[in-house]
Amino acid sequence: MLVVNTKLKQIIRESGKTQGQLAKEIGIPEARLSRIIHGYINPRKSEEEAIAVALGILTVEVFPPEL
């Protein structure tokens, strides 16, 4: 099931960064970041943390813990 992380998309937009800029900043290909945002793949824990740090948010704000 494809689930777009709309909260993450909104936070990226509000940060003023493009997906490409964010991907470069956290050290992953832009295509991988896009697949994470659109729910095609689950991010690694290290990617979740890097995204949160780069956006100045808590990881749980966009990646809720799995139950």
Protein backbone atom coordinates (compact mmCIF):
# COMPACT_ATOMS: atom_id res chain seq x y z
CA MET A 1 0.00 0.00 0.00
CA LEU A 2 1.38 3.37 -1.01
CA VAL A 3 1.23 5.97 1.75
CA VAL A 4 2.55 9.44 1.06
CA ASN A 5 4.09 11.04 4.12
CA THR A 6 2.21 14.32 3.72
CA LYS A 7 3.53 15.68 7.01
CA LEU A 8 7.11 15.17 5.80
CA LYS A 9 6.32 16.80 2.45
CA GLN A 10 4.81 19.79 4.26
CA ILE A 11 7.79 20.19 6.59
CA ILE A 12 10.24 20.00 3.68
CA ARG A 13 8.23 22.65 1.81
CA GLU A 14 8.10 24.88 4.91
CA SER A 15 11.87 24.52 5.38
CA GLY A 16 12.43 26.15 2.01
CA LYS A 17 14.60 23.24 0.90
CA THR A 18 14.03 21.19 -2.21
CA GLN A 19 14.05 17.41 -2.08
CA GLY A 20 17.34 17.53 -3.95
CA GLN A 21 18.91 19.89 -1.41
CA LEU A 22 17.70 17.78 1.50
CA ALA A 23 18.90 14.56 -0.09
CA LYS A 24 22.35 16.04 -0.69
CA GLU A 25 22.50 17.38 2.86
CA ILE A 26 21.75 13.99 4.38
CA GLY A 27 23.86 12.05 1.91
CA ILE A 28 21.33 9.95 0.02
CA PRO A 29 20.23 10.00 -3.62
CA GLU A 30 17.26 12.25 -4.36
CA ALA A 31 15.42 9.27 -5.86
CA ARG A 32 15.72 7.39 -2.55
CA LEU A 33 14.36 10.37 -0.60
CA SER A 34 11.45 10.61 -3.03
CA ARG A 35 10.69 6.90 -2.55
CA ILE A 36 10.74 7.40 1.23
CA ILE A 37 8.37 10.38 1.02
CA HIS A 38 5.96 8.54 -1.27
CA GLY A 39 5.96 5.36 0.83
CA TYR A 40 7.61 3.04 -1.69
CA ILE A 41 10.35 2.18 0.82
CA ASN A 42 10.86 2.49 4.54
CA PRO A 43 13.76 4.67 5.62
CA ARG A 44 16.61 3.25 7.64
CA LYS A 45 16.75 4.49 11.22
CA SER A 46 19.87 6.51 10.33
CA GLU A 47 17.98 8.14 7.43
CA GLU A 48 15.03 9.01 9.70
CA GLU A 49 17.42 10.66 12.14
CA ALA A 50 19.33 12.52 9.41
CA ILE A 51 16.11 13.84 7.87
CA ALA A 52 14.85 15.02 11.25
CA VAL A 53 18.14 16.75 12.12
CA ALA A 54 18.33 18.44 8.72
CA LEU A 55 14.77 19.73 9.12
CA GLY A 56 15.14 20.67 12.79
CA ILE A 57 12.35 18.39 13.99
CA LEU A 58 11.92 15.32 16.15
CA THR A 59 12.03 12.00 14.32
CA VAL A 60 8.62 10.96 15.71
CA GLU A 61 6.98 14.01 14.11
CA VAL A 62 7.18 12.37 10.69
CA PHE A 63 8.19 8.77 11.41
CA PRO A 64 5.95 7.40 14.16
CA PRO A 65 7.40 4.42 16.03
CA GLU A 66 6.20 1.04 14.88
CA LEU A 67 4.02 -0.85 17.30
